Amino acid sequence: MRLAVILVTAFHATAALSDSYELSLGGNVIGTLDATDASISSNVTNSPLGVGNGTFDASSKAVRLADDTVVTQYLSEAPRKNRTISVLHDAGQVIETVVNPVGDATALSVANSVPAGVTDPVSGLAHLLRDRATCPEPVSFYDGRRVITVSPTDQSAEDATLTCRMAYRVTAGPGHFSPLFISNAKMNLRYEGGALTMMTVGAGPFTLTVTPR
């Protein structure tokens, strides 16, 4: 539901991303999402049976380690789950993952188990939301518990409208929403005049719709 559930370094563009979105499920508004190049903040208040309600905040920023090495830190907080995750990236490689509480860690929460070339969810989402004239290139991101790959499968264009059909797959680690463990979803992105006007993510009978506010 939180989109991280769904996505500053690997896909940085000239124009900064800074947008606010509405989240809908089954035609009902369930919450909001704010996204920039460096942060994600969502607030879900009206999900079915309240199972997805709560806030989620994440950031991606450069930090300096004790040895003066500069790396990228992804930091997320999900208060309802009482969960925080910190991931350090260096040159496309995860070098440290810390999940609290420890019981929420998975086999992919060990840094040397994560494949090279992944980015973080903040950067991955920005890659999809940013203005563009062509469909997004494939992107793999790591949230501290699993690796997710979003890749194009088809596209169509009519006048100034570009529709990109994407595959959303958990390619390493557990699926989402235990005990369902959802690992595959269909994603559609619609850009008009280069700007994203709608994103949908569907799995089974549920389709999450993201539209600019």
C-alpha atoms as a PDB file:
ATOM      1  CA  MET A   1       0.000   0.000   0.000  1.00  0.00           C
ATOM      2  CA  ARG A   2       2.918   2.291   0.663  1.00  0.00           C
ATOM      3  CA  LEU A   3       4.407   1.829  -2.762  1.00  0.00           C
ATOM      4  CA  ALA A   4       7.720   1.062  -1.265  1.00  0.00           C
ATOM      5  CA  VAL A   5       5.412  -0.328  -2.246  1.00  0.00           C
ATOM      6  CA  ILE A   6       6.266   1.106  -4.380  1.00  0.00           C
ATOM      7  CA  LEU A   7      11.423   4.599  -5.641  1.00  0.00           C
ATOM      8  CA  VAL A   8      19.746  10.232  -5.450  1.00  0.00           C
ATOM      9  CA  THR A   9      22.499   9.142  -7.049  1.00  0.00           C
ATOM     10  CA  ALA A  10      22.099   6.534  -9.749  1.00  0.00           C
ATOM     11  CA  PHE A  11      19.369   8.270 -11.736  1.00  0.00           C
ATOM     12  CA  HIS A  12      19.982  11.949 -11.009  1.00  0.00           C
ATOM     13  CA  ALA A  13      18.526  14.307 -13.617  1.00  0.00           C
ATOM     14  CA  THR A  14      18.932  18.009 -14.259  1.00  0.00           C
ATOM     15  CA  ALA A  15      15.475  18.954 -12.988  1.00  0.00           C
ATOM     16  CA  ALA A  16      14.704  18.023  -9.387  1.00  0.00           C
ATOM     17  CA  LEU A  17      11.649  15.943  -8.655  1.00  0.00           C
ATOM     18  CA  SER A  18       9.220  17.365  -6.111  1.00  0.00           C
ATOM     19  CA  ASP A  19       5.614  16.200  -6.308  1.00  0.00           C
ATOM     20  CA  SER A  20       2.572  15.264  -4.255  1.00  0.00           C
ATOM     21  CA  TYR A  21       0.262  12.395  -5.205  1.00  0.00           C
ATOM     22  CA  GLU A  22      -3.082  10.897  -4.243  1.00  0.00           C
ATOM     23  CA  LEU A  23      -3.353   7.158  -3.572  1.00  0.00           C
ATOM     24  CA  SER A  24      -6.566   5.347  -4.531  1.00  0.00           C
ATOM     25  CA  LEU A  25      -7.738   1.761  -4.289  1.00  0.00           C
ATOM     26  CA  GLY A  26     -10.958   0.548  -5.873  1.00  0.00           C
ATOM     27  CA  GLY A  27     -11.994   4.104  -6.643  1.00  0.00           C
ATOM     28  CA  ASN A  28     -11.571   5.218  -3.024  1.00  0.00           C
ATOM     29  CA  VAL A  29      -8.887   7.641  -1.917  1.00  0.00           C
ATOM     30  CA  ILE A  30      -6.808   5.906   0.761  1.00  0.00           C
ATOM     31  CA  GLY A  31      -3.957   8.344   1.336  1.00  0.00           C
ATOM     32  CA  THR A  32      -1.232  10.578  -0.016  1.00  0.00           C
ATOM     33  CA  LEU A  33       2.361  10.322  -1.191  1.00  0.00           C
ATOM     34  CA  ASP A  34       5.028  13.024  -1.382  1.00  0.00           C
ATOM     35  CA  ALA A  35       8.177  12.241  -3.343  1.00  0.00           C
ATOM     36  CA  THR A  36      11.392  14.117  -4.093  1.00  0.00           C
ATOM     37  CA  ASP A  37      14.816  13.094  -5.340  1.00  0.00           C
ATOM     38  CA  ALA A  38      15.834  12.560  -1.720  1.00  0.00           C
ATOM     39  CA  SER A  39      12.722  11.460   0.172  1.00  0.00           C
ATOM     40  CA  ILE A  40       9.413   9.598   0.237  1.00  0.00           C
ATOM     41  CA  SER A  41       6.609  10.313   2.690  1.00  0.00           C
ATOM     42  CA  SER A  42       3.263   8.515   2.604  1.00  0.00           C
ATOM     43  CA  ASN A  43       0.216   8.629   4.839  1.00  0.00           C
ATOM     44  CA  VAL A  44      -2.460   5.961   4.356  1.00  0.00           C
ATOM     45  CA  THR A  45      -5.636   6.490   6.391  1.00  0.00           C
ATOM     46  CA  ASN A  46      -8.384   4.631   4.555  1.00  0.00           C
ATOM     47  CA  SER A  47      -7.114   1.242   3.380  1.00  0.00           C
ATOM     48  CA  PRO A  48      -9.491  -1.765   3.401  1.00  0.00           C
ATOM     49  CA  LEU A  49     -10.028  -2.894   7.009  1.00  0.00           C
ATOM     50  CA  GLY A  50      -7.258  -0.494   7.958  1.00  0.00           C
ATOM     51  CA  VAL A  51      -4.571  -3.107   7.316  1.00  0.00           C
ATOM     52  CA  GLY A  52      -2.338  -0.719   5.345  1.00  0.00           C
ATOM     53  CA  ASN A  53      -2.953   2.408   7.395  1.00  0.00           C
ATOM     54  CA  GLY A  54      -0.049   4.366   8.804  1.00  0.00           C
ATOM     55  CA  THR A  55       2.812   6.603   7.786  1.00  0.00           C
ATOM     56  CA  PHE A  56       6.015   5.710   5.991  1.00  0.00           C
ATOM     57  CA  ASP A  57       9.042   7.971   5.613  1.00  0.00           C
ATOM     58  CA  ALA A  58      12.270   7.288   3.764  1.00  0.00           C
ATOM     59  CA  SER A  59      15.299   9.293   2.712  1.00  0.00           C
ATOM     60  CA  SER A  60      18.364   8.818   0.526  1.00  0.00           C
ATOM     61  CA  LYS A  61      21.378  11.028   1.201  1.00  0.00           C
ATOM     62  CA  ALA A  62      25.166  11.132   1.196  1.00  0.00           C
ATOM     63  CA  VAL A  63      26.820  10.441   4.553  1.00  0.00           C
ATOM     64  CA  ARG A  64      30.462  10.435   5.613  1.00  0.00           C
ATOM     65  CA  LEU A  65      31.763   7.398   7.490  1.00  0.00           C
ATOM     66  CA  ALA A  66      34.395   7.440  10.225  1.00  0.00           C
ATOM     67  CA  ASP A  67      37.126   6.677   7.653  1.00  0.00           C
ATOM     68  CA  ASP A  68      36.007   9.708   5.573  1.00  0.00           C
ATOM     69  CA  THR A  69      34.420   7.488   2.901  1.00  0.00           C
ATOM     70  CA  VAL A  70      31.279   9.095   1.460  1.00  0.00           C
ATOM     71  CA  VAL A  71      28.440   6.643   0.807  1.00  0.00           C
ATOM     72  CA  THR A  72      24.673   6.846   0.252  1.00  0.00           C
ATOM     73  CA  GLN A  73      22.399   5.989   3.161  1.00  0.00           C
ATOM     74  CA  TYR A  74      18.813   4.843   2.676  1.00  0.00           C
ATOM     75  CA  LEU A  75      16.851   5.261   5.909  1.00  0.00           C
ATOM     76  CA  SER A  76      13.193   4.278   6.316  1.00  0.00           C
ATOM     77  CA  GLU A  77      10.749   4.456   9.214  1.00  0.00           C
ATOM     78  CA  ALA A  78       7.387   2.712   9.513  1.00  0.00           C
ATOM     79  CA  PRO A  79       6.043   3.704  12.968  1.00  0.00           C
ATOM     80  CA  ARG A  80       2.999   1.429  12.897  1.00  0.00           C
ATOM     81  CA  LYS A  81       5.265  -1.563  12.412  1.00  0.00           C
ATOM     82  CA  ASN A  82       7.834  -0.047  14.782  1.00  0.00           C
ATOM     83  CA  ARG A  83      10.393  -0.756  12.053  1.00  0.00           C
ATOM     84  CA  THR A  84      13.448   1.195  10.928  1.00  0.00           C
ATOM     85  CA  ILE A  85      15.852   0.171   8.171  1.00  0.00           C
ATOM     86  CA  SER A  86      19.240   1.657   7.290  1.00  0.00           C
ATOM     87  CA  VAL A  87      21.128   0.617   4.160  1.00  0.00           C
ATOM     88  CA  LEU A  88      24.534   1.942   3.063  1.00  0.00           C
ATOM     89  CA  HIS A  89      25.333   1.896  -0.673  1.00  0.00           C
ATOM     90  CA  ASP A  90      28.740   2.458  -2.240  1.00  0.00           C
ATOM     91  CA  ALA A  91      29.273   2.384  -6.013  1.00  0.00           C
ATOM     92  CA  GLY A  92      26.185   0.243  -6.619  1.00  0.00           C
ATOM     93  CA  GLN A  93      27.008  -2.240  -3.876  1.00  0.00           C
ATOM     94  CA  VAL A  94      25.272  -2.610  -0.510  1.00  0.00           C
ATOM     95  CA  ILE A  95      27.884  -2.496   2.248  1.00  0.00           C
ATOM     96  CA  GLU A  96      25.686  -2.520   5.353  1.00  0.00           C
ATOM     97  CA  THR A  97      22.075  -3.264   6.263  1.00  0.00           C
ATOM     98  CA  VAL A  98      20.556  -2.743   9.710  1.00  0.00           C
ATOM     99  CA  VAL A  99      16.929  -3.738  10.366  1.00  0.00           C
ATOM    100  CA  ASN A 100      15.195  -3.006  13.667  1.00  0.00           C
ATOM    101  CA  PRO A 101      13.612  -4.974  15.160  1.00  0.00           C
ATOM    102  CA  VAL A 102      16.025  -7.749  14.242  1.00  0.00           C
ATOM    103  CA  GLY A 103      13.116 -10.175  13.926  1.00  0.00           C
ATOM    104  CA  ASP A 104      11.946  -8.271  10.816  1.00  0.00           C
ATOM    105  CA  ALA A 105      15.198  -8.992   8.969  1.00  0.00           C
ATOM    106  CA  THR A 106      15.255 -11.516   6.117  1.00  0.00           C
ATOM    107  CA  ALA A 107      17.967 -13.540   4.436  1.00  0.00           C
ATOM    108  CA  LEU A 108      18.468 -10.507   2.138  1.00  0.00           C
ATOM    109  CA  SER A 109      19.147  -8.250   5.132  1.00  0.00           C
ATOM    110  CA  VAL A 110      22.787  -9.391   5.029  1.00  0.00           C
ATOM    111  CA  ALA A 111      24.814  -6.993   2.866  1.00  0.00           C
ATOM    112  CA  ASN A 112      26.891  -9.617   1.065  1.00  0.00           C
ATOM    113  CA  SER A 113      23.697 -11.434   0.010  1.00  0.00           C
ATOM    114  CA  VAL A 114      22.464  -8.464  -2.030  1.00  0.00           C
ATOM    115  CA  PRO A 115      23.326  -8.495  -5.762  1.00  0.00           C
ATOM    116  CA  ALA A 116      25.415  -5.635  -7.116  1.00  0.00           C
ATOM    117  CA  GLY A 117      23.847  -2.837  -9.129  1.00  0.00           C
ATOM    118  CA  VAL A 118      20.835  -2.102  -6.939  1.00  0.00           C
ATOM    119  CA  THR A 119      19.701   1.370  -5.918  1.00  0.00           C
ATOM    120  CA  ASP A 120      17.387   2.374  -3.061  1.00  0.00           C
ATOM    121  CA  PRO A 121      13.568   2.773  -3.206  1.00  0.00           C
ATOM    122  CA  VAL A 122      13.740   6.586  -3.076  1.00  0.00           C
ATOM    123  CA  SER A 123      15.962   6.761  -6.142  1.00  0.00           C
ATOM    124  CA  GLY A 124      14.047   3.960  -7.857  1.00  0.00           C
ATOM    125  CA  LEU A 125      10.702   5.707  -7.434  1.00  0.00           C
ATOM    126  CA  ALA A 126      12.127   9.037  -8.603  1.00  0.00           C
ATOM    127  CA  HIS A 127      13.338   7.241 -11.732  1.00  0.00           C
ATOM    128  CA  LEU A 128       9.739   6.301 -12.558  1.00  0.00           C
ATOM    129  CA  LEU A 129       8.013   9.535 -11.558  1.00  0.00           C
ATOM    130  CA  ARG A 130      10.331  12.014 -13.245  1.00  0.00           C
ATOM    131  CA  ASP A 131       9.299  13.758 -16.496  1.00  0.00           C
ATOM    132  CA  ARG A 132      10.459  11.802 -19.540  1.00  0.00           C
ATOM    133  CA  ALA A 133       9.951  11.382 -23.275  1.00  0.00           C
ATOM    134  CA  THR A 134      10.606   7.615 -23.338  1.00  0.00           C
ATOM    135  CA  CYS A 135       9.679   4.731 -21.050  1.00  0.00           C
ATOM    136  CA  PRO A 136      11.902   4.166 -18.001  1.00  0.00           C
ATOM    137  CA  GLU A 137      14.861   1.854 -18.275  1.00  0.00           C
ATOM    138  CA  PRO A 138      14.818  -1.218 -15.985  1.00  0.00           C
ATOM    139  CA  VAL A 139      15.649  -0.442 -12.359  1.00  0.00           C
ATOM    140  CA  SER A 140      16.377  -2.732  -9.402  1.00  0.00           C
ATOM    141  CA  PHE A 141      16.092  -1.431  -5.868  1.00  0.00           C
ATOM    142  CA  TYR A 142      16.671  -2.876  -2.411  1.00  0.00           C
ATOM    143  CA  ASP A 143      14.609  -1.981   0.644  1.00  0.00           C
ATOM    144  CA  GLY A 144      16.690  -3.813   3.240  1.00  0.00           C
ATOM    145  CA  ARG A 145      14.577  -6.961   3.078  1.00  0.00           C
ATOM    146  CA  ARG A 146      14.161  -7.784  -0.623  1.00  0.00           C
ATOM    147  CA  VAL A 147      15.222  -6.776  -4.144  1.00  0.00           C
ATOM    148  CA  ILE A 148      12.570  -5.511  -6.553  1.00  0.00           C
ATOM    149  CA  THR A 149      13.020  -5.088 -10.304  1.00  0.00           C
ATOM    150  CA  VAL A 150      10.769  -2.897 -12.434  1.00  0.00           C
ATOM    151  CA  SER A 151      11.224  -3.323 -16.173  1.00  0.00           C
ATOM    152  CA  PRO A 152       9.295  -2.297 -19.316  1.00  0.00           C
ATOM    153  CA  THR A 153       7.294  -4.931 -21.188  1.00  0.00           C
ATOM    154  CA  ASP A 154       5.409  -2.855 -23.768  1.00  0.00           C
ATOM    155  CA  GLN A 155       4.553   0.716 -24.678  1.00  0.00           C
ATOM    156  CA  SER A 156       2.167   2.737 -26.814  1.00  0.00           C
ATOM    157  CA  ALA A 157       2.070   6.385 -27.846  1.00  0.00           C
ATOM    158  CA  GLU A 158      -0.754   8.565 -29.102  1.00  0.00           C
ATOM    159  CA  ASP A 159      -0.229  12.256 -29.693  1.00  0.00           C
ATOM    160  CA  ALA A 160       1.428  13.561 -26.505  1.00  0.00           C
ATOM    161  CA  THR A 161       0.434  10.544 -24.363  1.00  0.00           C
ATOM    162  CA  LEU A 162       2.952   7.774 -23.668  1.00  0.00           C
ATOM    163  CA  THR A 163       1.807   4.601 -21.891  1.00  0.00           C
ATOM    164  CA  CYS A 164       4.454   2.285 -20.467  1.00  0.00           C
ATOM    165  CA  ARG A 165       3.537  -1.202 -19.305  1.00  0.00           C
ATOM    166  CA  MET A 166       5.971  -2.476 -16.705  1.00  0.00           C
ATOM    167  CA  ALA A 167       6.587  -5.703 -14.791  1.00  0.00           C
ATOM    168  CA  TYR A 168       7.103  -5.334 -11.033  1.00  0.00           C
ATOM    169  CA  ARG A 169       8.890  -8.387  -9.631  1.00  0.00           C
ATOM    170  CA  VAL A 170      10.476  -9.340  -6.333  1.00  0.00           C
ATOM    171  CA  THR A 171      13.644 -10.918  -7.699  1.00  0.00           C
ATOM    172  CA  ALA A 172      15.319 -11.813  -4.380  1.00  0.00           C
ATOM    173  CA  GLY A 173      13.950 -12.189  -0.874  1.00  0.00           C
ATOM    174  CA  PRO A 174      10.354 -12.617   0.314  1.00  0.00           C
ATOM    175  CA  GLY A 175       7.298 -11.175  -1.385  1.00  0.00           C
ATOM    176  CA  HIS A 176       5.165  -8.407   0.083  1.00  0.00           C
ATOM    177  CA  PHE A 177       2.379  -8.693   2.677  1.00  0.00           C
ATOM    178  CA  SER A 178       2.971 -11.856   4.686  1.00  0.00           C
ATOM    179  CA  PRO A 179       1.389 -14.407   4.512  1.00  0.00           C
ATOM    180  CA  LEU A 180       0.423 -13.536   0.893  1.00  0.00           C
ATOM    181  CA  PHE A 181       4.047 -12.946  -0.181  1.00  0.00           C
ATOM    182  CA  ILE A 182       3.100 -11.135  -3.371  1.00  0.00           C
ATOM    183  CA  SER A 183       6.064 -11.243  -5.758  1.00  0.00           C
ATOM    184  CA  ASN A 184       4.623 -10.081  -9.084  1.00  0.00           C
ATOM    185  CA  ALA A 185       2.492  -7.130 -10.108  1.00  0.00           C
ATOM    186  CA  LYS A 186       1.542  -5.255 -13.246  1.00  0.00           C
ATOM    187  CA  MET A 187       2.484  -1.586 -13.407  1.00  0.00           C
ATOM    188  CA  ASN A 188       1.281   0.991 -15.923  1.00  0.00           C
ATOM    189  CA  LEU A 189       2.763   4.472 -16.256  1.00  0.00           C
ATOM    190  CA  ARG A 190       1.073   7.219 -18.242  1.00  0.00           C
ATOM    191  CA  TYR A 191       2.958  10.361 -19.254  1.00  0.00           C
ATOM    192  CA  GLU A 192       1.315  13.306 -20.976  1.00  0.00           C
ATOM    193  CA  GLY A 193       3.590  15.931 -22.456  1.00  0.00           C
ATOM    194  CA  GLY A 194       6.433  14.141 -20.686  1.00  0.00           C
ATOM    195  CA  ALA A 195       4.892  14.441 -17.203  1.00  0.00           C
ATOM    196  CA  LEU A 196       3.548  11.470 -15.247  1.00  0.00           C
ATOM    197  CA  THR A 197      -0.251  11.719 -14.967  1.00  0.00           C
ATOM    198  CA  MET A 198      -1.031   8.244 -13.610  1.00  0.00           C
ATOM    199  CA  MET A 199       0.649   5.155 -12.208  1.00  0.00           C
ATOM    200  CA  THR A 200      -1.183   1.931 -11.444  1.00  0.00           C
ATOM    201  CA  VAL A 201       0.154  -1.134  -9.652  1.00  0.00           C
ATOM    202  CA  GLY A 202      -2.081  -4.202  -9.733  1.00  0.00           C
ATOM    203  CA  ALA A 203      -1.837  -7.630  -8.111  1.00  0.00           C
ATOM    204  CA  GLY A 204      -4.822  -9.972  -8.029  1.00  0.00           C
ATOM    205  CA  PRO A 205      -8.076  -8.041  -7.430  1.00  0.00           C
ATOM    206  CA  PHE A 206      -6.283  -4.973  -6.058  1.00  0.00           C
ATOM    207  CA  THR A 207      -5.027  -2.034  -8.119  1.00  0.00           C
ATOM    208  CA  LEU A 208      -3.333   0.928  -6.458  1.00  0.00           C
ATOM    209  CA  THR A 209      -3.637   4.151  -8.469  1.00  0.00           C
ATOM    210  CA  VAL A 210      -1.256   7.068  -8.028  1.00  0.00           C
ATOM    211  CA  THR A 211      -2.217  10.455  -9.489  1.00  0.00           C
ATOM    212  CA  PRO A 212      -0.745  13.948  -9.033  1.00  0.00           C
ATOM    213  CA  ARG A 213      -2.603  16.172  -6.578  1.00  0.00           C
END
